[in-house]
């Protein structure tokens, strides 16, 4: 993803001579980087692409950015193996780009009611009513940028709260953005629409050892 973005930015600035700037946030977690198929390059630049499809038909969509993407992929496996819930995983390379394009198209539609306009990239990717669980290692407001521009319910998980120091695993559990909390959020969203029963959520809480009495992380 980073290579695609840097290449695109350098071409715009140095070849096309456009007066733009690119801002990139990088992580320092070491892990093997999977190959990126050429057909995903456009989605990386637009801000969103499907990196892991559903096994059959997606009942829920897991959208994640940066280091939390691996947690979403792990949550996809938990949902399938433990609860027989089929999910697909999307990598959000830029919530800002997604919101900016959708907002511009919304404005165009408002000012030109007789003109047929294109659908935004985020609305096209996340079409339908399958719940969307958007997880980030930034604050919840960041993934919520896309909520007004899709039809499905968006549940945002983020690291709202005070700065603290610990292992990645412990911090992700504390801020409720790890694979187990992502899986629970997906189950809860499905239960809210009657697709599964609430007892399944209770069993997931017990299975994953989640502390139901813990204070919300943004209050600690």
N, C-alpha and C. Protein backbone atom coordinates (compact mmCIF):
# COMPACT_ATOMS: atom_id res chain seq x y z
N UNK A 1 0.83 -1.20 0.00
CA UNK A 1 0.00 0.00 0.00
C UNK A 1 0.87 1.26 0.00
N UNK A 2 1.87 1.27 0.88
CA UNK A 2 2.73 2.45 0.98
C UNK A 2 3.47 2.70 -0.33
N UNK A 3 3.96 1.63 -0.96
CA UNK A 3 4.68 1.78 -2.23
C UNK A 3 3.77 2.37 -3.30
N UNK A 4 2.52 1.92 -3.36
CA UNK A 4 1.57 2.44 -4.34
C UNK A 4 1.30 3.92 -4.09
N UNK A 5 1.12 4.29 -2.83
CA UNK A 5 0.82 5.69 -2.51
C UNK A 5 2.01 6.59 -2.82
N UNK A 6 3.21 6.16 -2.44
CA UNK A 6 4.40 6.97 -2.70
C UNK A 6 4.63 7.13 -4.20
N UNK A 7 4.49 6.05 -4.95
CA UNK A 7 4.65 6.12 -6.40
C UNK A 7 3.64 7.08 -7.01
N UNK A 8 2.39 6.98 -6.58
CA UNK A 8 1.34 7.86 -7.11
C UNK A 8 1.64 9.32 -6.78
N UNK A 9 2.03 9.57 -5.54
CA UNK A 9 2.32 10.94 -5.13
C UNK A 9 3.50 11.54 -5.87
N UNK A 10 4.56 10.77 -6.05
CA UNK A 10 5.73 11.29 -6.76
C UNK A 10 5.41 11.59 -8.21
N UNK A 11 4.58 10.77 -8.83
CA UNK A 11 4.19 11.03 -10.22
C UNK A 11 3.36 12.31 -10.33
N UNK A 12 2.44 12.50 -9.38
CA UNK A 12 1.63 13.72 -9.42
C UNK A 12 2.49 14.96 -9.23
N UNK A 13 3.43 14.89 -8.29
CA UNK A 13 4.22 16.08 -7.97
C UNK A 13 5.35 16.34 -8.96
N UNK A 14 6.04 15.28 -9.39
CA UNK A 14 7.24 15.47 -10.20
C UNK A 14 7.02 15.30 -11.70
N UNK A 15 6.05 14.48 -12.08
CA UNK A 15 5.79 14.27 -13.50
C UNK A 15 4.68 15.20 -13.98
N UNK A 16 3.56 15.19 -13.26
CA UNK A 16 2.42 16.03 -13.66
C UNK A 16 2.55 17.46 -13.15
N UNK A 17 3.52 17.69 -12.27
CA UNK A 17 3.82 19.03 -11.74
C UNK A 17 2.61 19.64 -11.04
N UNK A 18 1.85 18.81 -10.33
CA UNK A 18 0.69 19.31 -9.61
C UNK A 18 1.11 19.88 -8.26
N UNK A 19 0.44 20.95 -7.84
CA UNK A 19 0.76 21.60 -6.56
C UNK A 19 -0.05 20.91 -5.46
N UNK A 20 0.45 19.75 -5.02
CA UNK A 20 -0.24 18.96 -3.99
C UNK A 20 0.78 18.51 -2.95
N UNK A 21 0.27 18.02 -1.83
CA UNK A 21 1.16 17.38 -0.86
C UNK A 21 0.50 16.09 -0.38
N UNK A 22 1.31 15.15 0.02
CA UNK A 22 0.84 13.86 0.52
C UNK A 22 1.30 13.70 1.96
N UNK A 23 0.41 13.17 2.77
CA UNK A 23 0.74 12.96 4.18
C UNK A 23 0.49 11.48 4.46
N UNK A 24 1.49 10.83 4.99
CA UNK A 24 1.43 9.38 5.20
C UNK A 24 1.75 9.05 6.65
N UNK A 25 0.92 8.24 7.26
CA UNK A 25 1.18 7.74 8.61
C UNK A 25 1.67 6.31 8.50
N UNK A 26 2.81 6.02 9.08
CA UNK A 26 3.36 4.66 9.00
C UNK A 26 3.42 4.04 10.38
N UNK A 27 3.48 2.72 10.41
CA UNK A 27 3.54 1.99 11.69
C UNK A 27 4.92 1.38 11.86
N UNK A 28 5.22 0.96 13.08
CA UNK A 28 6.53 0.37 13.34
C UNK A 28 6.40 -1.09 13.79
N UNK A 29 5.33 -1.74 13.40
CA UNK A 29 5.15 -3.15 13.74
C UNK A 29 5.68 -4.01 12.61
N UNK A 30 6.60 -4.91 12.91
CA UNK A 30 7.22 -5.74 11.88
C UNK A 30 6.40 -7.01 11.63
N UNK A 31 6.02 -7.20 10.38
CA UNK A 31 5.39 -8.46 9.97
C UNK A 31 5.50 -8.58 8.46
N UNK A 32 5.39 -9.78 7.97
CA UNK A 32 5.51 -10.02 6.53
C UNK A 32 4.39 -9.31 5.78
N UNK A 33 4.76 -8.58 4.76
CA UNK A 33 3.77 -7.84 3.97
C UNK A 33 3.29 -8.72 2.80
N UNK A 34 1.99 -8.92 2.68
CA UNK A 34 1.49 -9.73 1.57
C UNK A 34 1.61 -8.98 0.25
N UNK A 35 1.60 -9.72 -0.84
CA UNK A 35 1.61 -9.08 -2.16
C UNK A 35 0.30 -8.34 -2.38
N UNK A 36 0.37 -7.29 -3.19
CA UNK A 36 -0.82 -6.50 -3.51
C UNK A 36 -1.11 -6.63 -4.99
N UNK A 37 -2.26 -7.19 -5.32
CA UNK A 37 -2.62 -7.40 -6.72
C UNK A 37 -2.78 -6.06 -7.43
N UNK A 38 -2.36 -5.96 -8.69
CA UNK A 38 -2.45 -4.69 -9.42
C UNK A 38 -3.86 -4.10 -9.47
N UNK A 39 -4.88 -4.97 -9.46
CA UNK A 39 -6.24 -4.44 -9.54
C UNK A 39 -6.66 -3.70 -8.27
N UNK A 40 -5.87 -3.83 -7.20
CA UNK A 40 -6.19 -3.12 -5.97
C UNK A 40 -5.53 -1.74 -5.90
N UNK A 41 -4.63 -1.44 -6.81
CA UNK A 41 -3.89 -0.19 -6.72
C UNK A 41 -4.80 1.04 -6.75
N UNK A 42 -5.80 1.03 -7.60
CA UNK A 42 -6.71 2.17 -7.69
C UNK A 42 -7.46 2.36 -6.39
N UNK A 43 -7.88 1.26 -5.76
CA UNK A 43 -8.58 1.35 -4.49
C UNK A 43 -7.70 1.90 -3.39
N UNK A 44 -6.42 1.55 -3.40
CA UNK A 44 -5.49 2.09 -2.41
C UNK A 44 -5.46 3.61 -2.49
N UNK A 45 -5.40 4.14 -3.70
CA UNK A 45 -5.34 5.58 -3.90
C UNK A 45 -6.67 6.24 -3.53
N UNK A 46 -7.77 5.59 -3.85
CA UNK A 46 -9.09 6.16 -3.54
C UNK A 46 -9.42 6.06 -2.06
N UNK A 47 -8.77 5.14 -1.34
CA UNK A 47 -8.98 5.06 0.10
C UNK A 47 -9.54 3.76 0.62
N UNK A 48 -9.93 2.82 -0.27
CA UNK A 48 -10.56 1.59 0.23
C UNK A 48 -10.48 0.50 -0.82
N UNK A 49 -10.13 -0.72 -0.38
CA UNK A 49 -10.20 -1.87 -1.28
C UNK A 49 -10.45 -3.13 -0.45
N UNK A 50 -11.07 -4.12 -1.06
CA UNK A 50 -11.34 -5.38 -0.37
C UNK A 50 -10.10 -6.25 -0.43
N UNK A 51 -9.50 -6.52 0.72
CA UNK A 51 -8.27 -7.30 0.73
C UNK A 51 -8.50 -8.77 0.99
N UNK A 52 -9.59 -9.12 1.69
CA UNK A 52 -9.91 -10.53 1.92
C UNK A 52 -11.41 -10.72 1.66
N UNK A 53 -11.79 -11.43 0.60
CA UNK A 53 -13.22 -11.62 0.32
C UNK A 53 -13.87 -12.56 1.32
N UNK A 54 -15.18 -12.55 1.34
CA UNK A 54 -15.93 -13.50 2.16
C UNK A 54 -15.80 -14.88 1.55
N UNK A 55 -16.01 -15.89 2.37
CA UNK A 55 -15.92 -17.26 1.86
C UNK A 55 -17.06 -17.55 0.89
N UNK A 56 -18.25 -17.05 1.20
CA UNK A 56 -19.40 -17.23 0.30
C UNK A 56 -20.10 -15.89 0.10
N UNK A 57 -20.95 -15.51 1.05
CA UNK A 57 -21.67 -14.24 0.94
C UNK A 57 -21.53 -13.48 2.26
N UNK A 58 -21.02 -12.26 2.20
CA UNK A 58 -20.70 -11.51 3.41
C UNK A 58 -21.95 -11.13 4.18
N UNK A 59 -21.99 -11.51 5.45
CA UNK A 59 -23.06 -11.09 6.35
C UNK A 59 -22.69 -9.80 7.06
N UNK A 60 -21.39 -9.54 7.15
CA UNK A 60 -20.89 -8.34 7.81
C UNK A 60 -19.57 -7.95 7.15
N UNK A 61 -19.26 -6.66 7.21
CA UNK A 61 -18.02 -6.17 6.61
C UNK A 61 -17.12 -5.62 7.70
N UNK A 62 -15.86 -6.02 7.66
CA UNK A 62 -14.87 -5.53 8.60
C UNK A 62 -13.95 -4.58 7.85
N UNK A 63 -13.94 -3.32 8.25
CA UNK A 63 -13.11 -2.30 7.62
C UNK A 63 -12.06 -1.88 8.64
N UNK A 64 -10.80 -1.91 8.25
CA UNK A 64 -9.74 -1.57 9.20
C UNK A 64 -8.63 -0.81 8.50
N UNK A 65 -7.87 -0.06 9.29
CA UNK A 65 -6.78 0.72 8.73
C UNK A 65 -5.49 0.43 9.49
N UNK A 66 -4.38 0.53 8.77
CA UNK A 66 -3.08 0.39 9.39
C UNK A 66 -2.86 -0.93 10.09
N UNK A 67 -2.27 -0.86 11.28
CA UNK A 67 -1.90 -2.06 12.02
C UNK A 67 -3.10 -2.88 12.46
N UNK A 68 -4.26 -2.26 12.55
CA UNK A 68 -5.46 -2.98 12.99
C UNK A 68 -6.02 -3.87 11.88
N UNK A 69 -5.53 -3.71 10.66
CA UNK A 69 -6.00 -4.57 9.57
C UNK A 69 -5.77 -6.04 9.90
N UNK A 70 -4.63 -6.38 10.46
CA UNK A 70 -4.36 -7.79 10.79
C UNK A 70 -5.32 -8.30 11.85
N UNK A 71 -5.74 -7.43 12.76
CA UNK A 71 -6.73 -7.83 13.76
C UNK A 71 -8.08 -8.11 13.11
N UNK A 72 -8.44 -7.32 12.11
CA UNK A 72 -9.69 -7.55 11.39
C UNK A 72 -9.65 -8.88 10.63
N UNK A 73 -8.50 -9.18 10.03
CA UNK A 73 -8.37 -10.45 9.30
C UNK A 73 -8.48 -11.62 10.28
N UNK A 74 -7.88 -11.48 11.46
CA UNK A 74 -8.00 -12.52 12.48
C UNK A 74 -9.44 -12.64 12.96
N UNK A 75 -10.13 -11.51 13.10
CA UNK A 75 -11.54 -11.53 13.52
C UNK A 75 -12.41 -12.23 12.48
N UNK A 76 -12.08 -12.03 11.21
CA UNK A 76 -12.82 -12.72 10.15
C UNK A 76 -12.75 -14.23 10.35
N UNK A 77 -11.55 -14.74 10.68
CA UNK A 77 -11.39 -16.18 10.90
C UNK A 77 -12.15 -16.64 12.14
N UNK A 78 -12.14 -15.83 13.21
CA UNK A 78 -12.90 -16.18 14.41
C UNK A 78 -14.39 -16.27 14.12
N UNK A 79 -14.90 -15.31 13.38
CA UNK A 79 -16.33 -15.30 13.05
C UNK A 79 -16.72 -16.53 12.26
N UNK A 80 -15.87 -16.91 11.32
CA UNK A 80 -16.18 -18.07 10.48
C UNK A 80 -16.04 -19.38 11.25
N UNK A 81 -14.96 -19.52 11.98
CA UNK A 81 -14.66 -20.79 12.64
C UNK A 81 -15.47 -21.01 13.91
N UNK A 82 -15.71 -19.93 14.67
CA UNK A 82 -16.40 -20.08 15.95
C UNK A 82 -17.91 -19.90 15.86
N UNK A 83 -18.37 -19.06 14.90
CA UNK A 83 -19.78 -18.69 14.91
C UNK A 83 -20.47 -18.87 13.56
N UNK A 84 -19.74 -19.36 12.58
CA UNK A 84 -20.30 -19.58 11.25
C UNK A 84 -20.90 -18.31 10.64
N UNK A 85 -20.19 -17.23 10.88
CA UNK A 85 -20.57 -15.93 10.31
C UNK A 85 -19.57 -15.58 9.22
N UNK A 86 -20.05 -15.29 8.03
CA UNK A 86 -19.19 -14.99 6.89
C UNK A 86 -18.95 -13.49 6.79
N UNK A 87 -17.71 -13.08 6.83
CA UNK A 87 -17.35 -11.66 6.76
C UNK A 87 -16.34 -11.43 5.65
N UNK A 88 -16.27 -10.19 5.20
CA UNK A 88 -15.21 -9.80 4.27
C UNK A 88 -14.43 -8.66 4.92
N UNK A 89 -13.18 -8.52 4.51
CA UNK A 89 -12.30 -7.52 5.12
C UNK A 89 -11.88 -6.49 4.09
N UNK A 90 -12.00 -5.22 4.47
CA UNK A 90 -11.61 -4.10 3.61
C UNK A 90 -10.51 -3.31 4.29
N UNK A 91 -9.52 -2.91 3.52
CA UNK A 91 -8.46 -2.07 4.03
C UNK A 91 -8.76 -0.61 3.69
N UNK A 92 -8.86 0.21 4.72
CA UNK A 92 -9.11 1.65 4.52
C UNK A 92 -7.78 2.38 4.57
N UNK A 93 -7.30 2.77 3.42
CA UNK A 93 -6.02 3.47 3.37
C UNK A 93 -6.19 4.97 3.63
N UNK A 94 -7.42 5.49 3.48
CA UNK A 94 -7.66 6.91 3.78
C UNK A 94 -9.14 7.18 3.97
N UNK A 95 -9.55 7.29 5.22
CA UNK A 95 -10.94 7.69 5.49
C UNK A 95 -11.16 9.11 5.00
N UNK A 96 -10.13 9.94 5.06
CA UNK A 96 -10.26 11.33 4.62
C UNK A 96 -10.56 11.42 3.13
N UNK A 97 -9.85 10.64 2.31
CA UNK A 97 -10.11 10.64 0.87
C UNK A 97 -11.52 10.15 0.57
N UNK A 98 -11.96 9.12 1.26
CA UNK A 98 -13.31 8.59 1.06
C UNK A 98 -14.35 9.64 1.38
N UNK A 99 -14.19 10.31 2.51
CA UNK A 99 -15.17 11.32 2.91
C UNK A 99 -15.13 12.53 1.99
N UNK A 100 -13.93 12.92 1.57
CA UNK A 100 -13.79 14.11 0.73
C UNK A 100 -14.49 13.91 -0.62
N UNK A 101 -14.30 12.73 -1.23
CA UNK A 101 -14.95 12.47 -2.51
C UNK A 101 -16.46 12.37 -2.35
N UNK A 102 -16.92 11.64 -1.32
CA UNK A 102 -18.36 11.49 -1.10
C UNK A 102 -19.03 12.83 -0.82
N UNK A 103 -18.36 13.67 -0.06
CA UNK A 103 -18.91 15.00 0.26
C UNK A 103 -19.01 15.86 -0.99
N UNK A 104 -18.00 15.80 -1.84
CA UNK A 104 -18.01 16.58 -3.08
C UNK A 104 -19.14 16.12 -4.00
N UNK A 105 -19.34 14.81 -4.11
CA UNK A 105 -20.42 14.30 -4.96
C UNK A 105 -21.79 14.64 -4.38
N UNK A 106 -21.89 14.63 -3.07
CA UNK A 106 -23.14 15.01 -2.41
C UNK A 106 -23.47 16.47 -2.72
N UNK A 107 -22.46 17.32 -2.70
CA UNK A 107 -22.66 18.73 -3.03
C UNK A 107 -23.07 18.89 -4.48
N UNK A 108 -22.40 18.16 -5.39
CA UNK A 108 -22.76 18.23 -6.80
C UNK A 108 -24.21 17.82 -7.02
N UNK A 109 -24.64 16.78 -6.35
CA UNK A 109 -26.01 16.31 -6.50
C UNK A 109 -27.01 17.36 -6.00
N UNK A 110 -26.64 18.04 -4.93
CA UNK A 110 -27.52 19.07 -4.37
C UNK A 110 -27.64 20.28 -5.29
N UNK A 111 -26.53 20.65 -5.93
CA UNK A 111 -26.53 21.83 -6.80
C UNK A 111 -27.00 21.54 -8.22
N UNK A 112 -26.98 20.26 -8.62
CA UNK A 112 -27.38 19.89 -9.98
C UNK A 112 -28.39 18.74 -9.93
N UNK A 113 -29.61 19.03 -9.48
CA UNK A 113 -30.59 17.96 -9.27
C UNK A 113 -31.00 17.22 -10.53
N UNK A 114 -30.80 17.79 -11.69
CA UNK A 114 -31.19 17.13 -12.95
C UNK A 114 -30.06 16.31 -13.56
N UNK A 115 -28.87 16.43 -13.00
CA UNK A 115 -27.72 15.75 -13.56
C UNK A 115 -27.51 14.39 -12.89
N UNK A 116 -27.24 13.38 -13.72
CA UNK A 116 -26.94 12.06 -13.16
C UNK A 116 -25.47 12.04 -12.77
N UNK A 117 -25.21 11.80 -11.51
CA UNK A 117 -23.85 11.88 -11.01
C UNK A 117 -23.33 10.51 -10.62
N UNK A 118 -22.02 10.40 -10.57
CA UNK A 118 -21.38 9.14 -10.21
C UNK A 118 -21.59 8.85 -8.73
N UNK A 119 -21.54 7.57 -8.39
CA UNK A 119 -21.64 7.15 -7.00
C UNK A 119 -20.25 7.21 -6.38
N UNK A 120 -20.18 7.56 -5.12
CA UNK A 120 -18.88 7.66 -4.46
C UNK A 120 -18.22 6.29 -4.35
N UNK A 121 -16.92 6.29 -4.21
CA UNK A 121 -16.18 5.04 -4.10
C UNK A 121 -16.60 4.26 -2.86
N UNK A 122 -16.76 4.95 -1.73
CA UNK A 122 -17.12 4.24 -0.51
C UNK A 122 -18.52 3.66 -0.59
N UNK A 123 -19.46 4.39 -1.22
CA UNK A 123 -20.82 3.88 -1.36
C UNK A 123 -20.87 2.69 -2.31
N UNK A 124 -20.03 2.71 -3.34
CA UNK A 124 -19.97 1.59 -4.28
C UNK A 124 -19.37 0.35 -3.63
N UNK A 125 -18.29 0.54 -2.88
CA UNK A 125 -17.62 -0.59 -2.24
C UNK A 125 -18.48 -1.24 -1.17
N UNK A 126 -19.13 -0.40 -0.37
CA UNK A 126 -19.88 -0.89 0.79
C UNK A 126 -21.38 -0.78 0.56
N UNK A 127 -21.81 -1.09 -0.64
CA UNK A 127 -23.23 -1.04 -0.97
C UNK A 127 -23.98 -2.14 -0.23
N UNK A 128 -25.26 -1.90 0.02
CA UNK A 128 -26.09 -2.89 0.69
C UNK A 128 -26.25 -2.61 2.17
N UNK A 129 -26.91 -3.54 2.86
CA UNK A 129 -27.23 -3.29 4.27
C UNK A 129 -26.45 -4.16 5.25
N UNK A 130 -25.42 -4.86 4.78
CA UNK A 130 -24.59 -5.65 5.70
C UNK A 130 -23.89 -4.71 6.67
N UNK A 131 -23.98 -4.95 7.98
CA UNK A 131 -23.34 -4.06 8.96
C UNK A 131 -21.85 -3.89 8.69
N UNK A 132 -21.35 -2.71 8.99
CA UNK A 132 -19.94 -2.37 8.79
C UNK A 132 -19.30 -2.12 10.14
N UNK A 133 -18.26 -2.90 10.45
CA UNK A 133 -17.48 -2.68 11.67
C UNK A 133 -16.18 -2.03 11.24
N UNK A 134 -16.00 -0.77 11.59
CA UNK A 134 -14.82 -0.02 11.16
C UNK A 134 -13.89 0.17 12.36
N UNK A 135 -12.73 -0.45 12.32
CA UNK A 135 -11.79 -0.42 13.45
C UNK A 135 -10.52 0.34 13.08
N UNK A 136 -10.04 1.12 14.03
CA UNK A 136 -8.85 1.94 13.79
C UNK A 136 -8.03 2.04 15.07
N UNK A 137 -6.71 2.27 14.92
CA UNK A 137 -5.93 2.55 16.11
C UNK A 137 -5.82 4.06 16.33
N UNK A 138 -6.74 4.80 15.71
CA UNK A 138 -6.92 6.22 15.99
C UNK A 138 -8.28 6.37 16.68
N UNK A 139 -8.72 7.59 16.88
CA UNK A 139 -10.00 7.81 17.56
C UNK A 139 -11.17 7.39 16.69
N UNK A 140 -12.30 7.09 17.33
CA UNK A 140 -13.48 6.59 16.62
C UNK A 140 -14.01 7.58 15.58
N UNK A 141 -13.78 8.86 15.80
CA UNK A 141 -14.28 9.87 14.86
C UNK A 141 -13.71 9.68 13.46
N UNK A 142 -12.53 9.07 13.38
CA UNK A 142 -11.86 8.90 12.08
C UNK A 142 -12.65 7.95 11.19
N UNK A 143 -12.90 6.68 11.58
CA UNK A 143 -13.70 5.81 10.71
C UNK A 143 -15.15 6.27 10.56
N UNK A 144 -15.66 7.03 11.54
CA UNK A 144 -17.05 7.49 11.44
C UNK A 144 -17.24 8.52 10.33
N UNK A 145 -16.14 8.99 9.74
CA UNK A 145 -16.27 9.92 8.60
C UNK A 145 -17.08 9.32 7.47
N UNK A 146 -17.04 7.99 7.31
CA UNK A 146 -17.74 7.37 6.18
C UNK A 146 -19.20 7.07 6.48
N UNK A 147 -19.60 7.13 7.75
CA UNK A 147 -20.95 6.71 8.13
C UNK A 147 -22.08 7.41 7.37
N UNK A 148 -22.02 8.74 7.15
CA UNK A 148 -23.13 9.39 6.44
C UNK A 148 -23.23 9.01 4.96
N UNK A 149 -22.22 8.34 4.43
CA UNK A 149 -22.17 8.11 2.99
C UNK A 149 -22.41 6.67 2.58
N UNK A 150 -22.83 5.82 3.53
CA UNK A 150 -23.18 4.43 3.22
C UNK A 150 -24.56 4.15 3.79
N UNK A 151 -25.23 3.15 3.23
CA UNK A 151 -26.59 2.82 3.68
C UNK A 151 -26.60 1.96 4.94
N UNK A 152 -25.59 1.13 5.12
CA UNK A 152 -25.57 0.20 6.24
C UNK A 152 -25.17 0.90 7.54
N UNK A 153 -25.48 0.25 8.65
CA UNK A 153 -25.07 0.74 9.95
C UNK A 153 -23.56 0.62 10.08
N UNK A 154 -22.92 1.66 10.61
CA UNK A 154 -21.48 1.65 10.84
C UNK A 154 -21.22 1.64 12.35
N UNK A 155 -20.47 0.65 12.82
CA UNK A 155 -20.04 0.58 14.21
C UNK A 155 -18.55 0.87 14.22
N UNK A 156 -18.15 1.94 14.89
CA UNK A 156 -16.74 2.35 14.89
C UNK A 156 -16.06 1.94 16.18
N UNK A 157 -14.88 1.35 16.05
CA UNK A 157 -14.03 1.01 17.19
C UNK A 157 -12.74 1.80 17.06
N UNK A 158 -12.33 2.46 18.14
CA UNK A 158 -11.12 3.26 18.07
C UNK A 158 -10.45 3.38 19.42
N UNK A 159 -9.35 4.11 19.45
CA UNK A 159 -8.54 4.19 20.67
C UNK A 159 -8.78 5.50 21.41
N UNK A 160 -10.04 5.85 21.61
CA UNK A 160 -10.37 7.05 22.37
C UNK A 160 -9.92 6.85 23.82
N UNK A 161 -9.24 7.82 24.36
CA UNK A 161 -8.81 7.72 25.75
C UNK A 161 -7.46 8.37 25.96
N UNK A 162 -6.88 8.11 27.10
CA UNK A 162 -5.61 8.73 27.46
C UNK A 162 -4.44 7.87 26.99
N UNK A 163 -3.32 8.54 26.71
CA UNK A 163 -2.13 7.82 26.30
C UNK A 163 -1.61 6.91 27.40
N UNK A 164 -1.11 5.77 27.02
CA UNK A 164 -0.57 4.82 28.00
C UNK A 164 0.47 3.96 27.32
N UNK A 165 1.26 3.28 28.11
CA UNK A 165 2.34 2.45 27.58
C UNK A 165 2.15 1.00 28.01
N UNK A 166 2.19 0.09 27.04
CA UNK A 166 2.07 -1.34 27.32
C UNK A 166 2.37 -2.09 26.03
N UNK A 167 2.21 -3.40 26.02
CA UNK A 167 2.40 -4.17 24.79
C UNK A 167 1.27 -3.87 23.82
N UNK A 168 1.51 -4.12 22.55
CA UNK A 168 0.46 -3.91 21.56
C UNK A 168 -0.79 -4.72 21.89
N UNK A 169 -0.56 -5.99 22.26
CA UNK A 169 -1.68 -6.87 22.56
C UNK A 169 -2.52 -6.32 23.71
N UNK A 170 -1.86 -5.88 24.76
CA UNK A 170 -2.58 -5.35 25.93
C UNK A 170 -3.29 -4.05 25.60
N UNK A 171 -2.66 -3.19 24.83
CA UNK A 171 -3.28 -1.91 24.48
C UNK A 171 -4.50 -2.12 23.58
N UNK A 172 -4.40 -3.04 22.65
CA UNK A 172 -5.54 -3.31 21.77
C UNK A 172 -6.71 -3.91 22.55
N UNK A 173 -6.40 -4.75 23.52
CA UNK A 173 -7.46 -5.28 24.37
C UNK A 173 -8.06 -4.16 25.23
N UNK A 174 -7.20 -3.30 25.80
CA UNK A 174 -7.68 -2.21 26.65
C UNK A 174 -8.60 -1.25 25.88
N UNK A 175 -8.19 -0.89 24.66
CA UNK A 175 -8.98 0.05 23.87
C UNK A 175 -10.10 -0.63 23.07
N UNK A 176 -10.20 -1.94 23.21
CA UNK A 176 -11.29 -2.72 22.60
C UNK A 176 -11.27 -2.64 21.07
N UNK A 177 -10.06 -2.77 20.51
CA UNK A 177 -9.92 -2.79 19.06
C UNK A 177 -9.21 -4.06 18.59
N UNK A 178 -9.07 -5.04 19.48
CA UNK A 178 -8.40 -6.28 19.07
C UNK A 178 -9.38 -7.20 18.35
N UNK A 179 -8.87 -8.35 17.89
CA UNK A 179 -9.69 -9.26 17.09
C UNK A 179 -10.94 -9.74 17.80
N UNK A 180 -10.84 -9.92 19.13
CA UNK A 180 -11.99 -10.42 19.87
C UNK A 180 -13.09 -9.37 19.99
N UNK A 181 -12.69 -8.12 20.20
CA UNK A 181 -13.69 -7.05 20.27
C UNK A 181 -14.28 -6.75 18.89
N UNK A 182 -13.48 -6.88 17.85
CA UNK A 182 -14.01 -6.70 16.50
C UNK A 182 -15.04 -7.79 16.20
N UNK A 183 -14.71 -9.03 16.56
CA UNK A 183 -15.66 -10.13 16.33
C UNK A 183 -16.93 -9.92 17.13
N UNK A 184 -16.80 -9.49 18.39
CA UNK A 184 -17.99 -9.24 19.20
C UNK A 184 -18.84 -8.12 18.62
N UNK A 185 -18.20 -7.05 18.15
CA UNK A 185 -18.95 -5.95 17.54
C UNK A 185 -19.72 -6.43 16.32
N UNK A 186 -19.13 -7.32 15.54
CA UNK A 186 -19.81 -7.88 14.37
C UNK A 186 -21.01 -8.71 14.80
N UNK A 187 -20.84 -9.55 15.80
CA UNK A 187 -21.94 -10.37 16.29
C UNK A 187 -23.05 -9.50 16.87
N UNK A 188 -22.67 -8.47 17.62
CA UNK A 188 -23.66 -7.56 18.20
C UNK A 188 -24.46 -6.84 17.13
N UNK A 189 -23.78 -6.41 16.06
CA UNK A 189 -24.47 -5.72 14.96
C UNK A 189 -25.44 -6.66 14.26
N UNK A 190 -25.05 -7.92 14.11
CA UNK A 190 -25.96 -8.90 13.49
C UNK A 190 -27.13 -9.21 14.42
N UNK A 191 -26.87 -9.27 15.73
CA UNK A 191 -27.96 -9.51 16.68
C UNK A 191 -28.94 -8.35 16.68
N UNK A 192 -28.44 -7.14 16.51
CA UNK A 192 -29.31 -5.95 16.51
C UNK A 192 -30.31 -5.97 15.37
N UNK A 193 -29.95 -6.62 14.28
CA UNK A 193 -30.87 -6.69 13.14
C UNK A 193 -31.61 -8.02 13.09
N UNK A 194 -31.45 -8.85 14.13
CA UNK A 194 -32.18 -10.10 14.22
C UNK A 194 -31.60 -11.25 13.43
N UNK A 195 -30.37 -11.10 12.94
CA UNK A 195 -29.76 -12.15 12.13
C UNK A 195 -29.25 -13.31 12.98
N UNK A 196 -28.87 -13.02 14.23
CA UNK A 196 -28.46 -14.05 15.17
C UNK A 196 -29.08 -13.69 16.52
N UNK A 197 -29.02 -14.61 17.48
CA UNK A 197 -29.61 -14.30 18.79
C UNK A 197 -28.56 -13.70 19.73
N UNK A 198 -29.06 -13.01 20.77
CA UNK A 198 -28.18 -12.35 21.72
C UNK A 198 -27.35 -13.34 22.52
N UNK A 199 -27.85 -14.56 22.64
CA UNK A 199 -27.09 -15.57 23.38
C UNK A 199 -25.74 -15.83 22.73
N UNK A 200 -25.67 -15.69 21.42
CA UNK A 200 -24.40 -15.88 20.73
C UNK A 200 -23.38 -14.85 21.19
N UNK A 201 -23.82 -13.61 21.37
CA UNK A 201 -22.91 -12.56 21.86
C UNK A 201 -22.41 -12.89 23.27
N UNK A 202 -23.31 -13.39 24.11
CA UNK A 202 -22.92 -13.75 25.47
C UNK A 202 -21.90 -14.87 25.47
N UNK A 203 -22.09 -15.83 24.59
CA UNK A 203 -21.13 -16.94 24.50
C UNK A 203 -19.78 -16.45 24.00
N UNK A 204 -19.79 -15.50 23.07
CA UNK A 204 -18.54 -14.94 22.55
C UNK A 204 -17.79 -14.20 23.64
N UNK A 205 -18.50 -13.43 24.46
CA UNK A 205 -17.86 -12.70 25.56
C UNK A 205 -17.16 -13.68 26.50
N UNK A 206 -17.83 -14.78 26.82
CA UNK A 206 -17.24 -15.77 27.70
C UNK A 206 -16.07 -16.48 27.03
N UNK A 207 -16.23 -16.85 25.78
CA UNK A 207 -15.19 -17.58 25.05
C UNK A 207 -13.90 -16.77 24.94
N UNK A 208 -14.04 -15.46 24.71
CA UNK A 208 -12.87 -14.62 24.49
C UNK A 208 -12.39 -13.93 25.76
N UNK A 209 -13.03 -14.22 26.88
CA UNK A 209 -12.57 -13.67 28.15
C UNK A 209 -12.66 -12.16 28.24
N UNK A 210 -13.72 -11.56 27.69
CA UNK A 210 -13.86 -10.11 27.71
C UNK A 210 -14.45 -9.65 29.04
N UNK A 211 -13.90 -8.58 29.57
CA UNK A 211 -14.30 -8.07 30.88
C UNK A 211 -15.50 -7.14 30.72
N UNK A 212 -16.68 -7.63 31.09
CA UNK A 212 -17.90 -6.84 30.92
C UNK A 212 -18.03 -5.73 31.97
N UNK A 213 -17.23 -5.79 33.03
CA UNK A 213 -17.32 -4.79 34.09
C UNK A 213 -16.24 -3.71 33.97
N UNK A 214 -15.40 -3.82 32.96
CA UNK A 214 -14.34 -2.81 32.78
C UNK A 214 -14.95 -1.47 32.39
N UNK A 215 -14.38 -0.40 32.91
CA UNK A 215 -14.84 0.95 32.53
C UNK A 215 -14.48 1.22 31.07
N UNK A 216 -15.25 2.07 30.43
CA UNK A 216 -14.95 2.43 29.04
C UNK A 216 -13.54 3.02 28.96
N UNK A 217 -12.75 2.64 27.97
CA UNK A 217 -11.34 3.10 27.92
C UNK A 217 -11.20 4.61 27.86
N UNK A 218 -12.17 5.31 27.29
CA UNK A 218 -12.02 6.77 27.19
C UNK A 218 -12.27 7.47 28.53
N UNK A 219 -12.66 6.72 29.57
CA UNK A 219 -12.86 7.31 30.89
C UNK A 219 -11.69 7.03 31.82
N UNK A 220 -10.72 6.23 31.36
CA UNK A 220 -9.63 5.82 32.23
C UNK A 220 -8.32 6.56 31.92
